[in-house]
Amino acid sequence: MRAIHISMAAGLAAAAAACLQFGSPANACSRVLWNNNDQAVVAVRTWDLYVDEKPRLVYLPRGVTRQGVGGGNAAQWTSKFASVVLTAFDAGADDGMNEAGLSAHLLYLHDTEFEHADERPALSNFMWAQYGLDNYATVAEALEGLKAVRIVSSTALGREWPLHLALEDASGDSAVLEFIKGKLVIHHGKDVTVMTTSQRWTSNSPI
């Protein structure tokens, strides 16, 4: 049976139900992938930020031309796949799924340190998920294609947001991409099913 990839609103509802069943709501955004049930590939995540991200559900068609950052040496592309996304701060997609079955999720990661500048075109961390959804059908394709761009930190609400990225596709393949001490760390495989933030914050920290 061909796997059906389920994400977005259904996943958020399932995650909320799990929190109510098993105890107090989490203090950190989390993503969970269920890909070994022989019926469906199910991805769920929570949004546990300290401010309203003002999410909007948006349909994005093929053929949209985009730029990764303002200014020079920016990544530029035209979307190959249509997608449905949830935006945050009107700055980019936090969650989404494209017509090929690739899904992407941005979560907060306190210890993120993005790469130093090099010759590759720059892509805002807020556009990281959308770039994957626009250009690739599978996790493996996305991991290869993302090598060509350099992720840079952008600001929203007057501050920077350290982020990491989760990907999964219709086959159940999965990856988590994190920048630790300025180096990209990739966890890849069908066993990569849980992602959350580091448990480090103060009363002035977002999560």
N, C-alpha and C. Protein backbone atom coordinates (compact mmCIF):
# COMPACT_ATOMS: atom_id res chain seq x y z
N MET A 1 0.85 -1.19 0.00
CA MET A 1 0.00 0.00 0.00
C MET A 1 0.88 1.24 0.00
N ARG A 2 0.58 2.20 -0.88
CA ARG A 2 1.36 3.42 -0.95
C ARG A 2 1.09 4.26 0.30
N ALA A 3 2.15 4.72 0.93
CA ALA A 3 2.00 5.50 2.16
C ALA A 3 1.32 6.83 1.87
N ILE A 4 0.44 7.23 2.74
CA ILE A 4 -0.21 8.53 2.67
C ILE A 4 0.46 9.44 3.67
N HIS A 5 0.94 10.58 3.22
CA HIS A 5 1.65 11.50 4.09
C HIS A 5 0.68 12.51 4.67
N ILE A 6 0.53 12.51 5.98
CA ILE A 6 -0.42 13.38 6.65
C ILE A 6 0.35 14.37 7.51
N SER A 7 0.02 15.66 7.40
CA SER A 7 0.70 16.66 8.19
C SER A 7 -0.29 17.78 8.49
N MET A 8 0.24 18.97 8.79
CA MET A 8 -0.51 20.20 8.96
C MET A 8 -1.53 20.09 10.08
N ALA A 9 -2.78 20.52 9.84
CA ALA A 9 -3.76 20.69 10.92
C ALA A 9 -4.05 19.39 11.66
N ALA A 10 -4.15 18.29 10.93
CA ALA A 10 -4.43 17.00 11.59
C ALA A 10 -3.32 16.64 12.54
N GLY A 11 -2.10 16.90 12.14
CA GLY A 11 -0.97 16.61 13.01
C GLY A 11 -0.96 17.46 14.25
N LEU A 12 -1.29 18.74 14.12
CA LEU A 12 -1.33 19.62 15.28
C LEU A 12 -2.40 19.17 16.26
N ALA A 13 -3.53 18.73 15.75
CA ALA A 13 -4.60 18.25 16.63
C ALA A 13 -4.16 17.00 17.38
N ALA A 14 -3.47 16.10 16.69
CA ALA A 14 -3.00 14.88 17.35
C ALA A 14 -1.98 15.19 18.43
N ALA A 15 -1.09 16.14 18.15
CA ALA A 15 -0.09 16.51 19.14
C ALA A 15 -0.73 17.13 20.37
N ALA A 16 -1.72 17.98 20.15
CA ALA A 16 -2.42 18.59 21.28
C ALA A 16 -3.12 17.53 22.12
N ALA A 17 -3.73 16.56 21.46
CA ALA A 17 -4.41 15.49 22.21
C ALA A 17 -3.42 14.69 23.03
N ALA A 18 -2.23 14.45 22.48
CA ALA A 18 -1.21 13.70 23.22
C ALA A 18 -0.78 14.45 24.47
N CYS A 19 -0.63 15.77 24.36
CA CYS A 19 -0.25 16.57 25.53
C CYS A 19 -1.30 16.47 26.62
N LEU A 20 -2.57 16.53 26.23
CA LEU A 20 -3.64 16.45 27.22
C LEU A 20 -3.70 15.08 27.88
N GLN A 21 -3.38 14.05 27.12
CA GLN A 21 -3.47 12.68 27.64
C GLN A 21 -2.34 12.35 28.60
N PHE A 22 -1.14 12.83 28.28
CA PHE A 22 0.04 12.37 29.02
C PHE A 22 0.58 13.37 30.03
N GLY A 23 -0.07 14.52 30.21
CA GLY A 23 0.38 15.41 31.26
C GLY A 23 0.40 16.85 30.82
N SER A 24 1.23 17.65 31.48
CA SER A 24 1.29 19.08 31.22
C SER A 24 1.84 19.34 29.83
N PRO A 25 1.41 20.44 29.21
CA PRO A 25 1.95 20.79 27.90
C PRO A 25 3.46 20.99 27.98
N ALA A 26 4.15 20.66 26.89
CA ALA A 26 5.61 20.79 26.84
C ALA A 26 6.00 22.26 26.82
N ASN A 27 7.23 22.54 27.27
CA ASN A 27 7.78 23.88 27.22
C ASN A 27 8.68 24.08 26.02
N ALA A 28 8.61 23.21 25.06
CA ALA A 28 9.47 23.30 23.89
C ALA A 28 8.73 22.76 22.67
N CYS A 29 8.96 23.43 21.53
CA CYS A 29 8.40 22.92 20.27
C CYS A 29 8.99 21.53 20.00
N SER A 30 8.15 20.63 19.50
CA SER A 30 8.59 19.27 19.23
C SER A 30 7.96 18.77 17.93
N ARG A 31 8.66 17.87 17.26
CA ARG A 31 8.14 17.20 16.07
C ARG A 31 8.31 15.70 16.26
N VAL A 32 7.26 14.94 15.95
CA VAL A 32 7.28 13.49 16.06
C VAL A 32 6.82 12.90 14.72
N LEU A 33 7.53 11.88 14.26
CA LEU A 33 7.20 11.20 13.00
C LEU A 33 6.82 9.76 13.29
N TRP A 34 5.68 9.33 12.75
CA TRP A 34 5.23 7.94 12.87
C TRP A 34 5.25 7.35 11.46
N ASN A 35 6.26 6.54 11.17
CA ASN A 35 6.49 6.07 9.80
C ASN A 35 6.63 4.55 9.69
N ASN A 36 6.21 3.82 10.72
CA ASN A 36 6.40 2.36 10.71
C ASN A 36 5.10 1.60 10.97
N ASN A 37 3.96 2.20 10.56
CA ASN A 37 2.67 1.57 10.84
C ASN A 37 2.06 0.88 9.63
N ASP A 38 2.75 0.89 8.47
CA ASP A 38 2.31 0.21 7.25
C ASP A 38 1.02 0.77 6.66
N GLN A 39 0.58 1.93 7.14
CA GLN A 39 -0.63 2.52 6.60
C GLN A 39 -0.45 3.98 6.19
N ALA A 40 0.27 4.74 6.97
CA ALA A 40 0.42 6.16 6.68
C ALA A 40 1.71 6.68 7.29
N VAL A 41 2.25 7.70 6.68
CA VAL A 41 3.38 8.45 7.25
C VAL A 41 2.77 9.69 7.90
N VAL A 42 2.88 9.79 9.21
CA VAL A 42 2.21 10.85 9.96
C VAL A 42 3.25 11.70 10.67
N ALA A 43 3.25 13.00 10.40
CA ALA A 43 4.15 13.93 11.08
C ALA A 43 3.31 14.91 11.90
N VAL A 44 3.70 15.11 13.17
CA VAL A 44 3.02 16.07 14.04
C VAL A 44 4.05 16.96 14.69
N ARG A 45 3.64 18.20 14.99
CA ARG A 45 4.53 19.09 15.73
C ARG A 45 3.70 20.06 16.56
N THR A 46 4.33 20.65 17.57
CA THR A 46 3.68 21.65 18.40
C THR A 46 4.34 22.99 18.19
N TRP A 47 3.58 24.04 18.40
CA TRP A 47 4.10 25.42 18.39
C TRP A 47 3.98 25.93 19.83
N ASP A 48 5.08 25.97 20.55
CA ASP A 48 5.05 26.35 21.97
C ASP A 48 5.87 27.61 22.21
N LEU A 49 5.79 28.56 21.30
CA LEU A 49 6.57 29.79 21.45
C LEU A 49 5.90 30.72 22.45
N TYR A 50 6.69 31.64 22.99
CA TYR A 50 6.17 32.52 24.04
C TYR A 50 5.36 33.68 23.48
N VAL A 51 5.37 33.88 22.17
CA VAL A 51 4.59 34.93 21.53
C VAL A 51 3.72 34.31 20.44
N ASP A 52 2.72 35.05 20.02
CA ASP A 52 1.84 34.62 18.93
C ASP A 52 2.62 34.73 17.62
N GLU A 53 2.80 33.61 16.95
CA GLU A 53 3.51 33.63 15.67
C GLU A 53 2.62 34.09 14.51
N LYS A 54 1.36 34.36 14.81
CA LYS A 54 0.41 34.82 13.80
C LYS A 54 0.41 33.91 12.58
N PRO A 55 0.19 32.61 12.78
CA PRO A 55 0.25 31.68 11.66
C PRO A 55 -0.86 31.92 10.65
N ARG A 56 -0.51 31.72 9.40
CA ARG A 56 -1.48 31.78 8.31
C ARG A 56 -1.31 30.54 7.45
N LEU A 57 -2.42 29.93 7.06
CA LEU A 57 -2.39 28.78 6.17
C LEU A 57 -2.43 29.31 4.73
N VAL A 58 -1.39 28.99 3.95
CA VAL A 58 -1.21 29.60 2.63
C VAL A 58 -0.95 28.52 1.59
N TYR A 59 -1.62 28.65 0.44
CA TYR A 59 -1.32 27.80 -0.72
C TYR A 59 -0.38 28.55 -1.64
N LEU A 60 0.71 27.89 -2.04
CA LEU A 60 1.72 28.50 -2.90
C LEU A 60 1.86 27.67 -4.17
N PRO A 61 1.57 28.23 -5.33
CA PRO A 61 1.60 27.45 -6.58
C PRO A 61 3.02 27.25 -7.10
N ARG A 62 3.15 26.42 -8.10
CA ARG A 62 4.41 26.31 -8.83
C ARG A 62 4.69 27.61 -9.58
N GLY A 63 5.95 27.79 -9.91
CA GLY A 63 6.31 28.93 -10.76
C GLY A 63 6.50 30.24 -10.05
N VAL A 64 6.57 30.25 -8.72
CA VAL A 64 6.79 31.48 -7.95
C VAL A 64 8.29 31.74 -7.86
N THR A 65 8.72 32.94 -8.24
CA THR A 65 10.13 33.32 -8.16
C THR A 65 10.43 33.89 -6.78
N ARG A 66 11.51 33.42 -6.16
CA ARG A 66 11.84 33.87 -4.81
C ARG A 66 13.31 34.25 -4.70
N GLN A 67 13.62 34.99 -3.63
CA GLN A 67 14.98 35.38 -3.30
C GLN A 67 15.23 35.06 -1.84
N GLY A 68 16.41 34.48 -1.54
CA GLY A 68 16.67 33.96 -0.21
C GLY A 68 16.90 34.99 0.86
N VAL A 69 17.45 36.13 0.51
CA VAL A 69 17.69 37.24 1.44
C VAL A 69 17.63 38.53 0.64
N GLY A 70 17.55 39.66 1.34
CA GLY A 70 17.70 40.94 0.67
C GLY A 70 19.19 41.22 0.44
N GLY A 71 19.49 41.99 -0.58
CA GLY A 71 20.88 42.33 -0.83
C GLY A 71 21.56 41.39 -1.80
N GLY A 72 22.88 41.50 -1.87
CA GLY A 72 23.65 40.75 -2.85
C GLY A 72 23.90 39.32 -2.46
N ASN A 73 24.34 38.52 -3.42
CA ASN A 73 24.68 37.10 -3.26
C ASN A 73 23.56 36.32 -2.57
N ALA A 74 22.34 36.57 -3.03
CA ALA A 74 21.18 35.89 -2.47
C ALA A 74 20.82 34.68 -3.34
N ALA A 75 20.42 33.62 -2.70
CA ALA A 75 19.87 32.48 -3.44
C ALA A 75 18.62 32.92 -4.19
N GLN A 76 18.48 32.49 -5.42
CA GLN A 76 17.30 32.81 -6.23
C GLN A 76 16.80 31.55 -6.89
N TRP A 77 15.48 31.37 -6.93
CA TRP A 77 14.92 30.16 -7.52
C TRP A 77 13.46 30.39 -7.90
N THR A 78 12.95 29.48 -8.71
CA THR A 78 11.54 29.46 -9.07
C THR A 78 10.97 28.12 -8.63
N SER A 79 9.87 28.15 -7.90
CA SER A 79 9.34 26.93 -7.28
C SER A 79 8.94 25.90 -8.33
N LYS A 80 9.39 24.66 -8.12
CA LYS A 80 9.05 23.54 -9.00
C LYS A 80 7.80 22.81 -8.53
N PHE A 81 7.51 22.92 -7.23
CA PHE A 81 6.38 22.21 -6.63
C PHE A 81 5.45 23.20 -5.93
N ALA A 82 4.16 22.95 -6.03
CA ALA A 82 3.20 23.68 -5.23
C ALA A 82 3.26 23.17 -3.79
N SER A 83 2.89 24.03 -2.85
CA SER A 83 2.91 23.62 -1.45
C SER A 83 1.82 24.33 -0.66
N VAL A 84 1.49 23.74 0.49
CA VAL A 84 0.62 24.38 1.47
C VAL A 84 1.44 24.54 2.74
N VAL A 85 1.49 25.77 3.28
CA VAL A 85 2.37 26.05 4.41
C VAL A 85 1.64 26.83 5.49
N LEU A 86 2.18 26.75 6.70
CA LEU A 86 1.82 27.64 7.79
C LEU A 86 2.96 28.63 7.97
N THR A 87 2.67 29.91 7.81
CA THR A 87 3.71 30.93 7.96
C THR A 87 3.79 31.39 9.41
N ALA A 88 4.93 32.01 9.75
CA ALA A 88 5.12 32.61 11.07
C ALA A 88 5.67 34.02 10.89
N PHE A 89 5.09 34.98 11.60
CA PHE A 89 5.52 36.38 11.56
C PHE A 89 5.49 36.96 10.14
N ASP A 90 4.79 36.30 9.21
CA ASP A 90 4.80 36.70 7.80
C ASP A 90 6.22 36.77 7.24
N ALA A 91 7.12 35.99 7.84
CA ALA A 91 8.52 36.01 7.43
C ALA A 91 8.91 34.79 6.61
N GLY A 92 8.11 33.74 6.64
CA GLY A 92 8.42 32.52 5.92
C GLY A 92 7.62 31.36 6.47
N ALA A 93 7.80 30.19 5.86
CA ALA A 93 7.04 29.00 6.24
C ALA A 93 7.69 28.31 7.43
N ASP A 94 6.92 28.08 8.48
CA ASP A 94 7.38 27.28 9.62
C ASP A 94 7.10 25.80 9.40
N ASP A 95 6.00 25.51 8.72
CA ASP A 95 5.60 24.14 8.43
C ASP A 95 4.99 24.09 7.05
N GLY A 96 5.12 22.97 6.40
CA GLY A 96 4.45 22.84 5.11
C GLY A 96 4.67 21.48 4.48
N MET A 97 3.91 21.23 3.41
CA MET A 97 4.04 20.01 2.63
C MET A 97 3.84 20.35 1.17
N ASN A 98 4.68 19.80 0.30
CA ASN A 98 4.50 20.06 -1.13
C ASN A 98 3.74 18.94 -1.81
N GLU A 99 3.45 19.14 -3.08
CA GLU A 99 2.61 18.19 -3.81
C GLU A 99 3.28 16.84 -4.03
N ALA A 100 4.59 16.76 -3.85
CA ALA A 100 5.31 15.49 -3.99
C ALA A 100 5.32 14.69 -2.69
N GLY A 101 4.87 15.30 -1.58
CA GLY A 101 4.84 14.60 -0.30
C GLY A 101 5.99 14.91 0.62
N LEU A 102 6.86 15.88 0.25
CA LEU A 102 7.91 16.31 1.16
C LEU A 102 7.35 17.32 2.14
N SER A 103 7.64 17.14 3.43
CA SER A 103 7.23 18.09 4.46
C SER A 103 8.45 18.67 5.15
N ALA A 104 8.29 19.88 5.69
CA ALA A 104 9.38 20.58 6.36
C ALA A 104 8.84 21.31 7.59
N HIS A 105 9.65 21.36 8.65
CA HIS A 105 9.25 21.97 9.91
C HIS A 105 10.45 22.72 10.50
N LEU A 106 10.26 23.99 10.82
CA LEU A 106 11.27 24.78 11.52
C LEU A 106 10.94 24.85 13.00
N LEU A 107 11.91 24.54 13.85
CA LEU A 107 11.75 24.61 15.30
C LEU A 107 12.90 25.41 15.89
N TYR A 108 12.66 25.96 17.06
CA TYR A 108 13.66 26.75 17.78
C TYR A 108 14.74 25.83 18.35
N LEU A 109 16.00 26.25 18.21
CA LEU A 109 17.12 25.52 18.83
C LEU A 109 18.10 26.54 19.39
N HIS A 110 18.11 26.66 20.70
CA HIS A 110 18.85 27.73 21.39
C HIS A 110 20.32 27.79 21.00
N ASP A 111 20.97 26.64 20.86
CA ASP A 111 22.42 26.62 20.66
C ASP A 111 22.84 26.71 19.20
N THR A 112 21.94 27.07 18.32
CA THR A 112 22.28 27.19 16.90
C THR A 112 23.36 28.24 16.68
N GLU A 113 24.37 27.87 15.88
CA GLU A 113 25.37 28.81 15.38
C GLU A 113 25.52 28.56 13.89
N PHE A 114 25.01 29.47 13.07
CA PHE A 114 25.04 29.27 11.63
C PHE A 114 26.46 29.40 11.09
N GLU A 115 26.63 28.95 9.85
CA GLU A 115 27.95 28.92 9.22
C GLU A 115 28.50 30.32 8.97
N HIS A 116 29.83 30.39 8.87
CA HIS A 116 30.48 31.64 8.48
C HIS A 116 30.28 31.88 6.99
N ALA A 117 30.45 33.13 6.58
CA ALA A 117 30.23 33.51 5.19
C ALA A 117 31.20 32.77 4.26
N ASP A 118 30.68 32.37 3.10
CA ASP A 118 31.51 31.80 2.04
C ASP A 118 30.90 32.21 0.71
N GLU A 119 31.33 31.57 -0.37
CA GLU A 119 30.91 32.01 -1.71
C GLU A 119 29.51 31.55 -2.09
N ARG A 120 28.90 30.66 -1.35
CA ARG A 120 27.58 30.17 -1.71
C ARG A 120 26.51 31.25 -1.54
N PRO A 121 25.45 31.22 -2.38
CA PRO A 121 24.37 32.20 -2.21
C PRO A 121 23.66 32.01 -0.88
N ALA A 122 23.20 33.12 -0.30
CA ALA A 122 22.65 33.11 1.05
C ALA A 122 21.15 32.84 1.04
N LEU A 123 20.70 32.09 2.04
CA LEU A 123 19.30 31.74 2.22
C LEU A 123 18.92 32.02 3.67
N SER A 124 17.92 32.86 3.88
CA SER A 124 17.45 33.16 5.24
C SER A 124 16.97 31.89 5.94
N ASN A 125 17.24 31.79 7.22
CA ASN A 125 16.73 30.65 7.98
C ASN A 125 15.20 30.60 7.97
N PHE A 126 14.53 31.74 7.80
CA PHE A 126 13.08 31.75 7.70
C PHE A 126 12.59 31.15 6.37
N MET A 127 13.47 31.11 5.35
CA MET A 127 13.11 30.57 4.04
C MET A 127 13.64 29.15 3.85
N TRP A 128 14.30 28.60 4.85
CA TRP A 128 14.96 27.30 4.78
C TRP A 128 13.95 26.20 4.41
N ALA A 129 12.85 26.15 5.13
CA ALA A 129 11.83 25.13 4.86
C ALA A 129 11.21 25.33 3.48
N GLN A 130 10.88 26.59 3.15
CA GLN A 130 10.23 26.85 1.87
C GLN A 130 11.12 26.50 0.69
N TYR A 131 12.41 26.76 0.82
CA TYR A 131 13.35 26.40 -0.25
C TYR A 131 13.30 24.90 -0.52
N GLY A 132 13.27 24.10 0.54
CA GLY A 132 13.17 22.66 0.37
C GLY A 132 11.88 22.24 -0.29
N LEU A 133 10.76 22.83 0.16
CA LEU A 133 9.46 22.47 -0.39
C LEU A 133 9.33 22.89 -1.86
N ASP A 134 9.91 24.01 -2.21
CA ASP A 134 9.81 24.52 -3.58
C ASP A 134 10.60 23.68 -4.57
N ASN A 135 11.68 23.05 -4.11
CA ASN A 135 12.65 22.49 -5.04
C ASN A 135 12.78 20.98 -5.07
N TYR A 136 12.31 20.27 -4.04
CA TYR A 136 12.66 18.85 -3.92
C TYR A 136 11.44 17.99 -3.59
N ALA A 137 11.53 16.72 -4.03
CA ALA A 137 10.44 15.77 -3.82
C ALA A 137 10.71 14.81 -2.67
N THR A 138 11.98 14.62 -2.32
CA THR A 138 12.35 13.65 -1.28
C THR A 138 13.37 14.25 -0.33
N VAL A 139 13.52 13.60 0.80
CA VAL A 139 14.53 14.02 1.77
C VAL A 139 15.93 13.94 1.17
N ALA A 140 16.22 12.84 0.49
CA ALA A 140 17.55 12.67 -0.10
C ALA A 140 17.87 13.78 -1.09
N GLU A 141 16.91 14.15 -1.93
CA GLU A 141 17.12 15.24 -2.88
C GLU A 141 17.36 16.56 -2.15
N ALA A 142 16.59 16.81 -1.10
CA ALA A 142 16.73 18.06 -0.36
C ALA A 142 18.10 18.16 0.31
N LEU A 143 18.55 17.07 0.91
CA LEU A 143 19.86 17.11 1.57
C LEU A 143 20.97 17.41 0.58
N GLU A 144 20.88 16.86 -0.61
CA GLU A 144 21.90 17.13 -1.63
C GLU A 144 21.79 18.57 -2.14
N GLY A 145 20.58 19.02 -2.41
CA GLY A 145 20.40 20.34 -2.97
C GLY A 145 20.73 21.46 -2.01
N LEU A 146 20.48 21.26 -0.73
CA LEU A 146 20.74 22.31 0.26
C LEU A 146 22.22 22.59 0.46
N LYS A 147 23.08 21.70 -0.05
CA LYS A 147 24.52 21.95 0.03
C LYS A 147 24.93 23.19 -0.75
N ALA A 148 24.10 23.58 -1.72
CA ALA A 148 24.47 24.67 -2.62
C ALA A 148 24.17 26.05 -2.05
N VAL A 149 23.50 26.13 -0.89
CA VAL A 149 23.17 27.42 -0.29
C VAL A 149 23.74 27.50 1.12
N ARG A 150 23.89 28.74 1.59
CA ARG A 150 24.40 28.99 2.94
C ARG A 150 23.27 29.61 3.77
N ILE A 151 22.92 28.97 4.89
CA ILE A 151 21.84 29.47 5.74
C ILE A 151 22.36 30.61 6.60
N VAL A 152 21.62 31.72 6.59
CA VAL A 152 21.99 32.89 7.39
C VAL A 152 20.84 33.27 8.31
N SER A 153 21.16 33.89 9.41
CA SER A 153 20.17 34.26 10.40
C SER A 153 19.49 35.57 10.01
N SER A 154 18.15 35.60 10.09
CA SER A 154 17.37 36.80 9.83
C SER A 154 16.63 37.20 11.10
N THR A 155 16.05 38.39 11.09
CA THR A 155 15.39 38.90 12.28
C THR A 155 13.88 39.02 12.08
N ALA A 156 13.15 38.85 13.17
CA ALA A 156 11.72 39.11 13.22
C ALA A 156 11.39 39.55 14.64
N LEU A 157 10.47 40.48 14.78
CA LEU A 157 10.11 41.04 16.09
C LEU A 157 11.34 41.61 16.79
N GLY A 158 12.29 42.13 16.02
CA GLY A 158 13.45 42.79 16.59
C GLY A 158 14.52 41.89 17.14
N ARG A 159 14.50 40.59 16.79
CA ARG A 159 15.52 39.68 17.30
C ARG A 159 15.77 38.56 16.30
N GLU A 160 16.88 37.86 16.49
CA GLU A 160 17.20 36.71 15.67
C GLU A 160 16.57 35.46 16.27
N TRP A 161 16.35 34.44 15.41
CA TRP A 161 15.70 33.20 15.85
C TRP A 161 16.56 32.02 15.45
N PRO A 162 17.25 31.39 16.40
CA PRO A 162 18.03 30.19 16.10
C PRO A 162 17.11 29.01 15.80
N LEU A 163 17.27 28.41 14.65
CA LEU A 163 16.32 27.40 14.19
C LEU A 163 17.03 26.14 13.71
N HIS A 164 16.34 25.01 13.80
CA HIS A 164 16.76 23.80 13.11
C HIS A 164 15.60 23.28 12.28
N LEU A 165 15.89 22.37 11.34
CA LEU A 165 14.93 21.97 10.32
C LEU A 165 14.73 20.46 10.34
N ALA A 166 13.47 20.03 10.28
CA ALA A 166 13.13 18.62 10.11
C ALA A 166 12.47 18.43 8.75
N LEU A 167 12.80 17.32 8.10
CA LEU A 167 12.22 16.97 6.81
C LEU A 167 11.73 15.53 6.87
N GLU A 168 10.63 15.23 6.18
CA GLU A 168 10.23 13.85 5.96
C GLU A 168 9.50 13.78 4.62
N ASP A 169 9.47 12.59 4.02
CA ASP A 169 8.82 12.45 2.73
C ASP A 169 7.82 11.29 2.74
N ALA A 170 7.19 11.04 1.59
CA ALA A 170 6.12 10.05 1.52
C ALA A 170 6.60 8.64 1.75
N SER A 171 7.90 8.38 1.60
CA SER A 171 8.44 7.05 1.86
C SER A 171 8.69 6.79 3.34
N GLY A 172 8.63 7.85 4.17
CA GLY A 172 8.96 7.75 5.58
C GLY A 172 10.39 8.11 5.90
N ASP A 173 11.18 8.47 4.87
CA ASP A 173 12.54 8.93 5.12
C ASP A 173 12.49 10.23 5.90
N SER A 174 13.52 10.49 6.70
CA SER A 174 13.49 11.61 7.63
C SER A 174 14.89 12.17 7.83
N ALA A 175 14.97 13.47 8.13
CA ALA A 175 16.25 14.09 8.45
C ALA A 175 16.02 15.28 9.36
N VAL A 176 16.99 15.54 10.22
CA VAL A 176 17.03 16.74 11.04
C VAL A 176 18.35 17.43 10.76
N LEU A 177 18.30 18.74 10.47
CA LEU A 177 19.48 19.52 10.14
C LEU A 177 19.67 20.58 11.21
N GLU A 178 20.86 20.62 11.81
CA GLU A 178 21.17 21.55 12.89
C GLU A 178 22.56 22.14 12.67
N PHE A 179 22.72 23.41 13.04
CA PHE A 179 24.03 24.05 12.99
C PHE A 179 24.58 24.15 14.41
N ILE A 180 25.59 23.35 14.69
CA ILE A 180 26.20 23.28 16.01
C ILE A 180 27.64 23.77 15.91
N LYS A 181 27.97 24.83 16.65
CA LYS A 181 29.31 25.43 16.62
C LYS A 181 29.73 25.77 15.20
N GLY A 182 28.79 26.26 14.42
CA GLY A 182 29.09 26.72 13.08
C GLY A 182 29.18 25.63 12.03
N LYS A 183 28.90 24.39 12.40
CA LYS A 183 28.98 23.26 11.47
C LYS A 183 27.61 22.61 11.31
N LEU A 184 27.29 22.23 10.07
CA LEU A 184 26.03 21.54 9.82
C LEU A 184 26.10 20.11 10.30
N VAL A 185 25.16 19.71 11.14
CA VAL A 185 25.04 18.33 11.62
C VAL A 185 23.73 17.78 11.08
N ILE A 186 23.79 16.63 10.40
CA ILE A 186 22.61 16.03 9.80
C ILE A 186 22.36 14.66 10.41
N HIS A 187 21.15 14.45 10.90
CA HIS A 187 20.69 13.14 11.37
C HIS A 187 19.72 12.63 10.31
N HIS A 188 20.04 11.53 9.64
CA HIS A 188 19.27 11.11 8.47
C HIS A 188 18.92 9.63 8.57
N GLY A 189 17.67 9.30 8.31
CA GLY A 189 17.22 7.92 8.29
C GLY A 189 15.82 7.78 8.82
N LYS A 190 15.21 6.65 8.54
CA LYS A 190 13.83 6.43 8.99
C LYS A 190 13.72 6.30 10.49
N ASP A 191 14.85 6.15 11.18
CA ASP A 191 14.82 6.07 12.64
C ASP A 191 14.89 7.45 13.29
N VAL A 192 15.02 8.51 12.49
CA VAL A 192 15.07 9.88 13.03
C VAL A 192 13.63 10.37 13.13
N THR A 193 12.99 10.11 14.26
CA THR A 193 11.55 10.31 14.38
C THR A 193 11.15 11.36 15.41
N VAL A 194 12.07 11.83 16.24
CA VAL A 194 11.73 12.80 17.28
C VAL A 194 12.71 13.96 17.22
N MET A 195 12.18 15.17 17.33
CA MET A 195 13.00 16.38 17.32
C MET A 195 12.40 17.36 18.30
N THR A 196 13.23 17.99 19.15
CA THR A 196 12.74 19.00 20.07
C THR A 196 13.86 20.02 20.28
N THR A 197 13.60 21.01 21.10
CA THR A 197 14.59 22.05 21.36
C THR A 197 15.44 21.69 22.56
N SER A 198 16.57 22.38 22.70
CA SER A 198 17.40 22.20 23.88
C SER A 198 16.70 22.82 25.08
N GLN A 199 16.84 22.19 26.24
CA GLN A 199 16.17 22.66 27.45
C GLN A 199 17.05 23.68 28.16
N ARG A 200 17.24 24.83 27.53
CA ARG A 200 18.03 25.90 28.16
C ARG A 200 17.32 27.22 27.92
N TRP A 201 16.83 27.82 29.01
CA TRP A 201 16.21 29.12 28.87
C TRP A 201 16.19 29.81 30.21
N THR A 202 15.97 31.13 30.20
CA THR A 202 15.78 31.91 31.41
C THR A 202 14.40 32.54 31.32
N SER A 203 14.07 33.35 32.29
CA SER A 203 12.76 34.00 32.28
C SER A 203 12.62 34.96 31.10
N ASN A 204 13.76 35.36 30.51
CA ASN A 204 13.73 36.26 29.36
C ASN A 204 13.88 35.53 28.02
N SER A 205 14.02 34.21 28.08
CA SER A 205 14.19 33.44 26.86
C SER A 205 12.83 33.04 26.31
N PRO A 206 12.75 32.81 24.97
CA PRO A 206 11.45 32.53 24.37
C PRO A 206 10.84 31.20 24.76
N ILE A 207 11.65 30.14 24.86
CA ILE A 207 11.10 28.84 25.23
C ILE A 207 12.11 28.09 26.06
